[in-house]
């Protein structure tokens, strides 16, 4: 009986990290939507000017096209392609954050 319980706990320990990894990964379509929403909010609030928004949207469109090429080339996304897209979306997300806050910082430094 104890062996079955220990075996069950061992299996649960192995299964939990993979479930946690799957839950941490945000689907690409959701990340695209979130970034588009953040850019739109930046425009409405005045945190982003037209030039910044055009550049950020262009980068977002480029990522979308890269994803499309990845999916067409292999019938889906490989782990390395998904990791590459994750990294690129993280970089773009940081750029959106920086662009939305750089004007505010500049005004307060003067």
PDB file of N, CA and C in Angstrom:
ATOM      1  N   UNK A   1       0.818  -1.195   0.000  1.00  0.00           N
ATOM      2  CA  UNK A   1       0.000   0.000   0.000  1.00  0.00           C
ATOM      3  C   UNK A   1       0.866   1.266   0.000  1.00  0.00           C
ATOM      4  N   UNK A   2       1.895   1.271   0.875  1.00  0.00           N
ATOM      5  CA  UNK A   2       2.782   2.432   0.921  1.00  0.00           C
ATOM      6  C   UNK A   2       3.506   2.621  -0.406  1.00  0.00           C
ATOM      7  N   UNK A   3       3.860   1.510  -1.052  1.00  0.00           N
ATOM      8  CA  UNK A   3       4.562   1.578  -2.331  1.00  0.00           C
ATOM      9  C   UNK A   3       3.682   2.258  -3.377  1.00  0.00           C
ATOM     10  N   UNK A   4       2.373   1.955  -3.363  1.00  0.00           N
ATOM     11  CA  UNK A   4       1.461   2.573  -4.318  1.00  0.00           C
ATOM     12  C   UNK A   4       1.338   4.072  -4.059  1.00  0.00           C
ATOM     13  N   UNK A   5       1.294   4.455  -2.805  1.00  0.00           N
ATOM     14  CA  UNK A   5       1.186   5.865  -2.455  1.00  0.00           C
ATOM     15  C   UNK A   5       2.455   6.604  -2.889  1.00  0.00           C
ATOM     16  N   UNK A   6       3.622   6.006  -2.589  1.00  0.00           N
ATOM     17  CA  UNK A   6       4.881   6.626  -2.982  1.00  0.00           C
ATOM     18  C   UNK A   6       5.002   6.710  -4.502  1.00  0.00           C
ATOM     19  N   UNK A   7       4.576   5.669  -5.192  1.00  0.00           N
ATOM     20  CA  UNK A   7       4.624   5.693  -6.653  1.00  0.00           C
ATOM     21  C   UNK A   7       3.707   6.793  -7.185  1.00  0.00           C
ATOM     22  N   UNK A   8       2.545   6.954  -6.594  1.00  0.00           N
ATOM     23  CA  UNK A   8       1.612   7.999  -7.000  1.00  0.00           C
ATOM     24  C   UNK A   8       2.178   9.383  -6.754  1.00  0.00           C
ATOM     25  N   UNK A   9       2.837   9.566  -5.610  1.00  0.00           N
ATOM     26  CA  UNK A   9       3.468  10.851  -5.318  1.00  0.00           C
ATOM     27  C   UNK A   9       4.613  11.130  -6.280  1.00  0.00           C
ATOM     28  N   UNK A  10       5.362  10.107  -6.614  1.00  0.00           N
ATOM     29  CA  UNK A  10       6.458  10.270  -7.575  1.00  0.00           C
ATOM     30  C   UNK A  10       5.935  10.695  -8.927  1.00  0.00           C
ATOM     31  N   UNK A  11       4.857  10.091  -9.377  1.00  0.00           N
ATOM     32  CA  UNK A  11       4.259  10.459 -10.659  1.00  0.00           C
ATOM     33  C   UNK A  11       3.737  11.887 -10.616  1.00  0.00           C
ATOM     34  N   UNK A  12       3.106  12.252  -9.501  1.00  0.00           N
ATOM     35  CA  UNK A  12       2.568  13.610  -9.377  1.00  0.00           C
ATOM     36  C   UNK A  12       3.694  14.633  -9.402  1.00  0.00           C
ATOM     37  N   UNK A  13       4.811  14.299  -8.785  1.00  0.00           N
ATOM     38  CA  UNK A  13       5.953  15.207  -8.773  1.00  0.00           C
ATOM     39  C   UNK A  13       6.506  15.409 -10.175  1.00  0.00           C
ATOM     40  N   UNK A  14       6.538  14.355 -10.958  1.00  0.00           N
ATOM     41  CA  UNK A  14       7.031  14.446 -12.333  1.00  0.00           C
ATOM     42  C   UNK A  14       6.047  15.215 -13.201  1.00  0.00           C
ATOM     43  N   UNK A  15       4.761  15.020 -13.013  1.00  0.00           N
ATOM     44  CA  UNK A  15       3.742  15.620 -13.869  1.00  0.00           C
ATOM     45  C   UNK A  15       3.551  17.109 -13.586  1.00  0.00           C
ATOM     46  N   UNK A  16       3.748  17.539 -12.359  1.00  0.00           N
ATOM     47  CA  UNK A  16       3.467  18.923 -11.988  1.00  0.00           C
ATOM     48  C   UNK A  16       4.323  19.927 -12.761  1.00  0.00           C
ATOM     49  N   UNK A  17       5.643  19.744 -12.899  1.00  0.00           N
ATOM     50  CA  UNK A  17       6.401  20.753 -13.646  1.00  0.00           C
ATOM     51  C   UNK A  17       5.941  20.917 -15.084  1.00  0.00           C
ATOM     52  N   UNK A  18       5.575  19.840 -15.749  1.00  0.00           N
ATOM     53  CA  UNK A  18       5.145  19.982 -17.135  1.00  0.00           C
ATOM     54  C   UNK A  18       3.812  20.721 -17.221  1.00  0.00           C
ATOM     55  N   UNK A  19       2.925  20.499 -16.294  1.00  0.00           N
ATOM     56  CA  UNK A  19       1.657  21.222 -16.266  1.00  0.00           C
ATOM     57  C   UNK A  19       1.927  22.689 -15.967  1.00  0.00           C
ATOM     58  N   UNK A  20       2.829  22.970 -15.023  1.00  0.00           N
ATOM     59  CA  UNK A  20       3.147  24.361 -14.684  1.00  0.00           C
ATOM     60  C   UNK A  20       3.779  25.068 -15.875  1.00  0.00           C
ATOM     61  N   UNK A  21       4.662  24.392 -16.598  1.00  0.00           N
ATOM     62  CA  UNK A  21       5.272  24.993 -17.787  1.00  0.00           C
ATOM     63  C   UNK A  21       4.214  25.334 -18.818  1.00  0.00           C
ATOM     64  N   UNK A  22       3.284  24.440 -19.035  1.00  0.00           N
ATOM     65  CA  UNK A  22       2.232  24.667 -20.023  1.00  0.00           C
ATOM     66  C   UNK A  22       1.351  25.845 -19.614  1.00  0.00           C
ATOM     67  N   UNK A  23       1.130  26.016 -18.313  1.00  0.00           N
ATOM     68  CA  UNK A  23       0.278  27.104 -17.845  1.00  0.00           C
ATOM     69  C   UNK A  23       0.989  28.451 -17.922  1.00  0.00           C
ATOM     70  N   UNK A  24       2.318  28.476 -17.829  1.00  0.00           N
ATOM     71  CA  UNK A  24       3.052  29.728 -17.893  1.00  0.00           C
ATOM     72  C   UNK A  24       3.117  30.280 -19.308  1.00  0.00           C
ATOM     73  N   UNK A  25       3.084  29.431 -20.311  1.00  0.00           N
ATOM     74  CA  UNK A  25       3.226  29.872 -21.688  1.00  0.00           C
ATOM     75  C   UNK A  25       1.926  30.511 -22.148  1.00  0.00           C
ATOM     76  N   UNK A  26       2.025  31.728 -22.646  1.00  0.00           N
ATOM     77  CA  UNK A  26       0.863  32.450 -23.146  1.00  0.00           C
ATOM     78  C   UNK A  26       0.776  32.227 -24.651  1.00  0.00           C
ATOM     79  N   UNK A  27      -0.373  31.784 -25.149  1.00  0.00           N
ATOM     80  CA  UNK A  27      -0.516  31.567 -26.594  1.00  0.00           C
ATOM     81  C   UNK A  27      -0.161  32.828 -27.389  1.00  0.00           C
ATOM     82  N   UNK A  28       0.407  32.614 -28.549  1.00  0.00           N
ATOM     83  CA  UNK A  28       0.889  33.718 -29.374  1.00  0.00           C
ATOM     84  C   UNK A  28      -0.229  34.681 -29.736  1.00  0.00           C
ATOM     85  N   UNK A  29      -1.379  34.154 -30.123  1.00  0.00           N
ATOM     86  CA  UNK A  29      -2.506  35.029 -30.490  1.00  0.00           C
ATOM     87  C   UNK A  29      -2.893  35.930 -29.312  1.00  0.00           C
ATOM     88  N   UNK A  30      -2.828  35.394 -28.114  1.00  0.00           N
ATOM     89  CA  UNK A  30      -3.161  36.184 -26.927  1.00  0.00           C
ATOM     90  C   UNK A  30      -2.108  37.270 -26.702  1.00  0.00           C
ATOM     91  N   UNK A  31      -0.839  36.933 -26.896  1.00  0.00           N
ATOM     92  CA  UNK A  31       0.225  37.928 -26.728  1.00  0.00           C
ATOM     93  C   UNK A  31       0.080  39.034 -27.767  1.00  0.00           C
ATOM     94  N   UNK A  32      -0.258  38.664 -29.002  1.00  0.00           N
ATOM     95  CA  UNK A  32      -0.467  39.664 -30.048  1.00  0.00           C
ATOM     96  C   UNK A  32      -1.580  40.619 -29.644  1.00  0.00           C
ATOM     97  N   UNK A  33      -2.669  40.056 -29.182  1.00  0.00           N
ATOM     98  CA  UNK A  33      -3.805  40.878 -28.764  1.00  0.00           C
ATOM     99  C   UNK A  33      -3.464  41.792 -27.607  1.00  0.00           C
ATOM    100  N   UNK A  34      -2.724  41.271 -26.641  1.00  0.00           N
ATOM    101  CA  UNK A  34      -2.340  42.081 -25.489  1.00  0.00           C
ATOM    102  C   UNK A  34      -1.441  43.243 -25.905  1.00  0.00           C
ATOM    103  N   UNK A  35      -0.483  42.963 -26.790  1.00  0.00           N
ATOM    104  CA  UNK A  35       0.410  44.032 -27.247  1.00  0.00           C
ATOM    105  C   UNK A  35      -0.347  45.077 -28.050  1.00  0.00           C
ATOM    106  N   UNK A  36      -1.250  44.627 -28.912  1.00  0.00           N
ATOM    107  CA  UNK A  36      -2.046  45.575 -29.700  1.00  0.00           C
ATOM    108  C   UNK A  36      -2.876  46.456 -28.774  1.00  0.00           C
ATOM    109  N   UNK A  37      -3.459  45.861 -27.752  1.00  0.00           N
ATOM    110  CA  UNK A  37      -4.255  46.613 -26.782  1.00  0.00           C
ATOM    111  C   UNK A  37      -3.396  47.635 -26.046  1.00  0.00           C
ATOM    112  N   UNK A  38      -2.190  47.231 -25.640  1.00  0.00           N
ATOM    113  CA  UNK A  38      -1.294  48.162 -24.940  1.00  0.00           C
ATOM    114  C   UNK A  38      -0.888  49.319 -25.842  1.00  0.00           C
ATOM    115  N   UNK A  39      -0.641  49.040 -27.117  1.00  0.00           N
ATOM    116  CA  UNK A  39      -0.285  50.107 -28.055  1.00  0.00           C
ATOM    117  C   UNK A  39      -1.470  51.060 -28.225  1.00  0.00           C
ATOM    118  N   UNK A  40      -2.665  50.492 -28.411  1.00  0.00           N
ATOM    119  CA  UNK A  40      -3.869  51.319 -28.557  1.00  0.00           C
ATOM    120  C   UNK A  40      -4.092  52.190 -27.325  1.00  0.00           C
ATOM    121  N   UNK A  41      -3.915  51.619 -26.143  1.00  0.00           N
ATOM    122  CA  UNK A  41      -4.086  52.385 -24.907  1.00  0.00           C
ATOM    123  C   UNK A  41      -3.054  53.506 -24.814  1.00  0.00           C
ATOM    124  N   UNK A  42      -1.826  53.221 -25.265  1.00  0.00           N
ATOM    125  CA  UNK A  42      -0.776  54.239 -25.248  1.00  0.00           C
ATOM    126  C   UNK A  42      -1.105  55.409 -26.153  1.00  0.00           C
ATOM    127  N   UNK A  43      -1.716  55.108 -27.298  1.00  0.00           N
ATOM    128  CA  UNK A  43      -2.121  56.177 -28.213  1.00  0.00           C
ATOM    129  C   UNK A  43      -3.227  57.015 -27.580  1.00  0.00           C
ATOM    130  N   UNK A  44      -4.251  56.346 -27.041  1.00  0.00           N
ATOM    131  CA  UNK A  44      -5.379  57.062 -26.440  1.00  0.00           C
ATOM    132  C   UNK A  44      -4.956  57.931 -25.264  1.00  0.00           C
ATOM    133  N   UNK A  45      -4.010  57.425 -24.471  1.00  0.00           N
ATOM    134  CA  UNK A  45      -3.591  58.181 -23.285  1.00  0.00           C
ATOM    135  C   UNK A  45      -2.567  59.267 -23.612  1.00  0.00           C
ATOM    136  N   UNK A  46      -2.022  59.225 -24.823  1.00  0.00           N
ATOM    137  CA  UNK A  46      -0.990  60.184 -25.189  1.00  0.00           C
ATOM    138  C   UNK A  46       0.415  59.741 -24.809  1.00  0.00           C
ATOM    139  N   UNK A  47       0.539  58.533 -24.247  1.00  0.00           N
ATOM    140  CA  UNK A  47       1.851  58.025 -23.859  1.00  0.00           C
ATOM    141  C   UNK A  47       2.680  57.634 -25.083  1.00  0.00           C
ATOM    142  N   UNK A  48       2.016  57.339 -26.194  1.00  0.00           N
ATOM    143  CA  UNK A  48       2.703  57.021 -27.449  1.00  0.00           C
ATOM    144  C   UNK A  48       2.307  58.043 -28.500  1.00  0.00           C
ATOM    145  N   UNK A  49       3.286  58.533 -29.246  1.00  0.00           N
ATOM    146  CA  UNK A  49       2.935  59.406 -30.367  1.00  0.00           C
ATOM    147  C   UNK A  49       2.744  58.532 -31.612  1.00  0.00           C
ATOM    148  N   UNK A  50       2.332  59.160 -32.683  1.00  0.00           N
ATOM    149  CA  UNK A  50       2.004  58.431 -33.914  1.00  0.00           C
ATOM    150  C   UNK A  50       3.207  57.647 -34.445  1.00  0.00           C
ATOM    151  N   UNK A  51       4.363  58.274 -34.451  1.00  0.00           N
ATOM    152  CA  UNK A  51       5.578  57.638 -34.967  1.00  0.00           C
ATOM    153  C   UNK A  51       5.931  56.384 -34.157  1.00  0.00           C
ATOM    154  N   UNK A  52       5.856  56.495 -32.839  1.00  0.00           N
ATOM    155  CA  UNK A  52       6.157  55.345 -31.978  1.00  0.00           C
ATOM    156  C   UNK A  52       5.165  54.217 -32.235  1.00  0.00           C
ATOM    157  N   UNK A  53       3.890  54.561 -32.319  1.00  0.00           N
ATOM    158  CA  UNK A  53       2.860  53.548 -32.529  1.00  0.00           C
ATOM    159  C   UNK A  53       3.022  52.849 -33.871  1.00  0.00           C
ATOM    160  N   UNK A  54       3.334  53.603 -34.920  1.00  0.00           N
ATOM    161  CA  UNK A  54       3.528  53.010 -36.244  1.00  0.00           C
ATOM    162  C   UNK A  54       4.686  52.014 -36.207  1.00  0.00           C
ATOM    163  N   UNK A  55       5.779  52.404 -35.545  1.00  0.00           N
ATOM    164  CA  UNK A  55       6.941  51.520 -35.470  1.00  0.00           C
ATOM    165  C   UNK A  55       6.630  50.257 -34.665  1.00  0.00           C
ATOM    166  N   UNK A  56       5.963  50.404 -33.534  1.00  0.00           N
ATOM    167  CA  UNK A  56       5.621  49.249 -32.708  1.00  0.00           C
ATOM    168  C   UNK A  56       4.646  48.315 -33.433  1.00  0.00           C
ATOM    169  N   UNK A  57       3.658  48.892 -34.116  1.00  0.00           N
ATOM    170  CA  UNK A  57       2.715  48.056 -34.870  1.00  0.00           C
ATOM    171  C   UNK A  57       3.412  47.328 -36.014  1.00  0.00           C
ATOM    172  N   UNK A  58       4.380  47.977 -36.633  1.00  0.00           N
ATOM    173  CA  UNK A  58       5.147  47.346 -37.704  1.00  0.00           C
ATOM    174  C   UNK A  58       5.925  46.147 -37.158  1.00  0.00           C
ATOM    175  N   UNK A  59       6.526  46.314 -35.999  1.00  0.00           N
ATOM    176  CA  UNK A  59       7.266  45.211 -35.380  1.00  0.00           C
ATOM    177  C   UNK A  59       6.318  44.070 -35.003  1.00  0.00           C
ATOM    178  N   UNK A  60       5.134  44.406 -34.529  1.00  0.00           N
ATOM    179  CA  UNK A  60       4.144  43.389 -34.187  1.00  0.00           C
ATOM    180  C   UNK A  60       3.690  42.641 -35.441  1.00  0.00           C
ATOM    181  N   UNK A  61       3.478  43.367 -36.517  1.00  0.00           N
ATOM    182  CA  UNK A  61       3.091  42.742 -37.788  1.00  0.00           C
ATOM    183  C   UNK A  61       4.214  41.827 -38.306  1.00  0.00           C
ATOM    184  N   UNK A  62       5.469  42.265 -38.168  1.00  0.00           N
ATOM    185  CA  UNK A  62       6.602  41.436 -38.579  1.00  0.00           C
ATOM    186  C   UNK A  62       6.645  40.119 -37.795  1.00  0.00           C
ATOM    187  N   UNK A  63       6.362  40.189 -36.503  1.00  0.00           N
ATOM    188  CA  UNK A  63       6.328  38.970 -35.693  1.00  0.00           C
ATOM    189  C   UNK A  63       5.201  38.047 -36.130  1.00  0.00           C
ATOM    190  N   UNK A  64       4.077  38.616 -36.452  1.00  0.00           N
ATOM    191  CA  UNK A  64       2.949  37.825 -36.934  1.00  0.00           C
ATOM    192  C   UNK A  64       3.300  37.113 -38.240  1.00  0.00           C
ATOM    193  N   UNK A  65       3.995  37.816 -39.122  1.00  0.00           N
ATOM    194  CA  UNK A  65       4.410  37.213 -40.392  1.00  0.00           C
ATOM    195  C   UNK A  65       5.460  36.129 -40.173  1.00  0.00           C
ATOM    196  N   UNK A  66       6.361  36.336 -39.225  1.00  0.00           N
ATOM    197  CA  UNK A  66       7.357  35.314 -38.906  1.00  0.00           C
ATOM    198  C   UNK A  66       6.677  34.055 -38.383  1.00  0.00           C
ATOM    199  N   UNK A  67       5.707  34.246 -37.507  1.00  0.00           N
ATOM    200  CA  UNK A  67       4.964  33.090 -36.992  1.00  0.00           C
ATOM    201  C   UNK A  67       4.289  32.339 -38.138  1.00  0.00           C
ATOM    202  N   UNK A  68       3.692  33.065 -39.057  1.00  0.00           N
ATOM    203  CA  UNK A  68       3.023  32.445 -40.203  1.00  0.00           C
ATOM    204  C   UNK A  68       4.024  31.616 -41.011  1.00  0.00           C
ATOM    205  N   UNK A  69       5.207  32.177 -41.255  1.00  0.00           N
ATOM    206  CA  UNK A  69       6.236  31.435 -42.007  1.00  0.00           C
ATOM    207  C   UNK A  69       6.680  30.187 -41.250  1.00  0.00           C
ATOM    208  N   UNK A  70       6.859  30.323 -39.942  1.00  0.00           N
ATOM    209  CA  UNK A  70       7.232  29.152 -39.137  1.00  0.00           C
ATOM    210  C   UNK A  70       6.170  28.062 -39.245  1.00  0.00           C
ATOM    211  N   UNK A  71       4.913  28.446 -39.119  1.00  0.00           N
ATOM    212  CA  UNK A  71       3.831  27.451 -39.151  1.00  0.00           C
ATOM    213  C   UNK A  71       3.722  26.791 -40.525  1.00  0.00           C
ATOM    214  N   UNK A  72       3.935  27.545 -41.584  1.00  0.00           N
ATOM    215  CA  UNK A  72       3.849  26.985 -42.942  1.00  0.00           C
ATOM    216  C   UNK A  72       4.989  26.036 -43.244  1.00  0.00           C
ATOM    217  N   UNK A  73       6.171  26.304 -42.718  1.00  0.00           N
ATOM    218  CA  UNK A  73       7.347  25.517 -43.062  1.00  0.00           C
ATOM    219  C   UNK A  73       7.334  24.126 -42.449  1.00  0.00           C
ATOM    220  N   UNK A  74       6.700  23.951 -41.315  1.00  0.00           N
ATOM    221  CA  UNK A  74       6.771  22.649 -40.666  1.00  0.00           C
ATOM    222  C   UNK A  74       5.447  22.103 -40.181  1.00  0.00           C
ATOM    223  N   UNK A  75       4.350  22.703 -40.584  1.00  0.00           N
ATOM    224  CA  UNK A  75       3.058  22.203 -40.134  1.00  0.00           C
ATOM    225  C   UNK A  75       2.748  22.528 -38.685  1.00  0.00           C
ATOM    226  N   UNK A  76       3.401  23.478 -38.128  1.00  0.00           N
ATOM    227  CA  UNK A  76       3.202  23.870 -36.737  1.00  0.00           C
ATOM    228  C   UNK A  76       4.465  24.516 -36.224  1.00  0.00           C
ATOM    229  N   UNK A  77       4.477  24.823 -34.955  1.00  0.00           N
ATOM    230  CA  UNK A  77       5.649  25.453 -34.359  1.00  0.00           C
ATOM    231  C   UNK A  77       6.488  24.416 -33.636  1.00  0.00           C
ATOM    232  N   UNK A  78       7.765  24.389 -33.942  1.00  0.00           N
ATOM    233  CA  UNK A  78       8.677  23.531 -33.191  1.00  0.00           C
ATOM    234  C   UNK A  78       8.980  24.232 -31.867  1.00  0.00           C
ATOM    235  N   UNK A  79       9.605  23.517 -30.964  1.00  0.00           N
ATOM    236  CA  UNK A  79       9.959  24.107 -29.670  1.00  0.00           C
ATOM    237  C   UNK A  79      10.913  25.281 -29.859  1.00  0.00           C
ATOM    238  N   UNK A  80      11.876  25.141 -30.759  1.00  0.00           N
ATOM    239  CA  UNK A  80      12.828  26.245 -30.962  1.00  0.00           C
ATOM    240  C   UNK A  80      12.147  27.455 -31.601  1.00  0.00           C
ATOM    241  N   UNK A  81      11.198  27.226 -32.499  1.00  0.00           N
ATOM    242  CA  UNK A  81      10.465  28.339 -33.110  1.00  0.00           C
ATOM    243  C   UNK A  81       9.598  29.043 -32.073  1.00  0.00           C
ATOM    244  N   UNK A  82       8.949  28.256 -31.228  1.00  0.00           N
ATOM    245  CA  UNK A  82       8.121  28.841 -30.176  1.00  0.00           C
ATOM    246  C   UNK A  82       8.980  29.650 -29.208  1.00  0.00           C
ATOM    247  N   UNK A  83      10.157  29.124 -28.859  1.00  0.00           N
ATOM    248  CA  UNK A  83      11.069  29.851 -27.971  1.00  0.00           C
ATOM    249  C   UNK A  83      11.547  31.146 -28.619  1.00  0.00           C
ATOM    250  N   UNK A  84      11.832  31.088 -29.921  1.00  0.00           N
ATOM    251  CA  UNK A  84      12.262  32.281 -30.642  1.00  0.00           C
ATOM    252  C   UNK A  84      11.155  33.337 -30.628  1.00  0.00           C
ATOM    253  N   UNK A  85       9.925  32.919 -30.902  1.00  0.00           N
ATOM    254  CA  UNK A  85       8.801  33.866 -30.887  1.00  0.00           C
ATOM    255  C   UNK A  85       8.576  34.418 -29.482  1.00  0.00           C
ATOM    256  N   UNK A  86       8.665  33.563 -28.476  1.00  0.00           N
ATOM    257  CA  UNK A  86       8.509  34.029 -27.091  1.00  0.00           C
ATOM    258  C   UNK A  86       9.530  35.112 -26.769  1.00  0.00           C
ATOM    259  N   UNK A  87      10.776  34.880 -27.155  1.00  0.00           N
ATOM    260  CA  UNK A  87      11.840  35.847 -26.888  1.00  0.00           C
ATOM    261  C   UNK A  87      11.560  37.161 -27.613  1.00  0.00           C
ATOM    262  N   UNK A  88      11.160  37.057 -28.875  1.00  0.00           N
ATOM    263  CA  UNK A  88      10.894  38.268 -29.663  1.00  0.00           C
ATOM    264  C   UNK A  88       9.693  39.044 -29.111  1.00  0.00           C
ATOM    265  N   UNK A  89       8.649  38.333 -28.676  1.00  0.00           N
ATOM    266  CA  UNK A  89       7.497  39.023 -28.087  1.00  0.00           C
ATOM    267  C   UNK A  89       7.875  39.687 -26.765  1.00  0.00           C
ATOM    268  N   UNK A  90       8.746  39.057 -25.990  1.00  0.00           N
ATOM    269  CA  UNK A  90       9.188  39.652 -24.731  1.00  0.00           C
ATOM    270  C   UNK A  90       9.959  40.947 -25.003  1.00  0.00           C
ATOM    271  N   UNK A  91      10.807  40.930 -26.019  1.00  0.00           N
ATOM    272  CA  UNK A  91      11.563  42.132 -26.387  1.00  0.00           C
ATOM    273  C   UNK A  91      10.599  43.241 -26.814  1.00  0.00           C
ATOM    274  N   UNK A  92       9.624  42.900 -27.648  1.00  0.00           N
ATOM    275  CA  UNK A  92       8.662  43.903 -28.108  1.00  0.00           C
ATOM    276  C   UNK A  92       7.838  44.433 -26.939  1.00  0.00           C
ATOM    277  N   UNK A  93       7.477  43.570 -26.022  1.00  0.00           N
ATOM    278  CA  UNK A  93       6.724  44.004 -24.854  1.00  0.00           C
ATOM    279  C   UNK A  93       7.518  45.018 -24.038  1.00  0.00           C
ATOM    280  N   UNK A  94       8.807  44.768 -23.866  1.00  0.00           N
ATOM    281  CA  UNK A  94       9.657  45.723 -23.146  1.00  0.00           C
ATOM    282  C   UNK A  94       9.766  47.039 -23.916  1.00  0.00           C
ATOM    283  N   UNK A  95       9.807  46.973 -25.244  1.00  0.00           N
ATOM    284  CA  UNK A  95       9.872  48.197 -26.046  1.00  0.00           C
ATOM    285  C   UNK A  95       8.598  49.020 -25.890  1.00  0.00           C
ATOM    286  N   UNK A  96       7.445  48.344 -25.886  1.00  0.00           N
ATOM    287  CA  UNK A  96       6.172  49.046 -25.693  1.00  0.00           C
ATOM    288  C   UNK A  96       6.183  49.736 -24.327  1.00  0.00           C
ATOM    289  N   UNK A  97       6.601  49.011 -23.304  1.00  0.00           N
ATOM    290  CA  UNK A  97       6.648  49.586 -21.955  1.00  0.00           C
ATOM    291  C   UNK A  97       7.575  50.806 -21.929  1.00  0.00           C
ATOM    292  N   UNK A  98       8.752  50.678 -22.530  1.00  0.00           N
ATOM    293  CA  UNK A  98       9.708  51.791 -22.543  1.00  0.00           C
ATOM    294  C   UNK A  98       9.129  52.997 -23.279  1.00  0.00           C
ATOM    295  N   UNK A  99       8.588  52.764 -24.468  1.00  0.00           N
ATOM    296  CA  UNK A  99       8.063  53.877 -25.268  1.00  0.00           C
ATOM    297  C   UNK A  99       6.895  54.575 -24.570  1.00  0.00           C
ATOM    298  N   UNK A 100       6.080  53.807 -23.849  1.00  0.00           N
ATOM    299  CA  UNK A 100       4.940  54.409 -23.164  1.00  0.00           C
ATOM    300  C   UNK A 100       5.375  55.280 -21.990  1.00  0.00           C
ATOM    301  N   UNK A 101       6.552  55.021 -21.445  1.00  0.00           N
ATOM    302  CA  UNK A 101       6.974  55.744 -20.254  1.00  0.00           C
ATOM    303  C   UNK A 101       8.131  56.705 -20.483  1.00  0.00           C
ATOM    304  N   UNK A 102       8.741  56.695 -21.644  1.00  0.00           N
ATOM    305  CA  UNK A 102       9.923  57.542 -21.848  1.00  0.00           C
ATOM    306  C   UNK A 102       9.579  59.025 -21.886  1.00  0.00           C
ATOM    307  N   UNK A 103       8.467  59.395 -22.459  1.00  0.00           N
ATOM    308  CA  UNK A 103       8.091  60.805 -22.530  1.00  0.00           C
ATOM    309  C   UNK A 103       7.809  61.342 -21.126  1.00  0.00           C
ATOM    310  N   UNK A 104       7.129  60.561 -20.325  1.00  0.00           N
ATOM    311  CA  UNK A 104       6.825  60.960 -18.958  1.00  0.00           C
ATOM    312  C   UNK A 104       8.126  61.208 -18.198  1.00  0.00           C
ATOM    313  N   UNK A 105       9.074  60.308 -18.330  1.00  0.00           N
ATOM    314  CA  UNK A 105      10.350  60.451 -17.636  1.00  0.00           C
ATOM    315  C   UNK A 105      11.097  61.688 -18.120  1.00  0.00           C
ATOM    316  N   UNK A 106      11.080  61.951 -19.423  1.00  0.00           N
ATOM    317  CA  UNK A 106      11.783  63.108 -19.963  1.00  0.00           C
ATOM    318  C   UNK A 106      11.220  64.407 -19.406  1.00  0.00           C
ATOM    319  N   UNK A 107       9.892  64.497 -19.278  1.00  0.00           N
ATOM    320  CA  UNK A 107       9.278  65.718 -18.767  1.00  0.00           C
ATOM    321  C   UNK A 107       9.639  65.964 -17.303  1.00  0.00           C
ATOM    322  N   UNK A 108       9.793  64.885 -16.547  1.00  0.00           N
ATOM    323  CA  UNK A 108      10.088  65.050 -15.126  1.00  0.00           C
ATOM    324  C   UNK A 108      11.573  65.278 -14.835  1.00  0.00           C
ATOM    325  N   UNK A 109      12.442  65.040 -15.796  1.00  0.00           N
ATOM    326  CA  UNK A 109      13.871  65.255 -15.601  1.00  0.00           C
ATOM    327  C   UNK A 109      14.262  66.702 -15.881  1.00  0.00           C
ATOM    328  N   UNK A 110      13.447  67.418 -16.576  1.00  0.00           N
ATOM    329  CA  UNK A 110      13.799  68.802 -16.957  1.00  0.00           C
ATOM    330  C   UNK A 110      13.769  69.755 -15.808  1.00  0.00           C
TER     331      UNK A 110
END
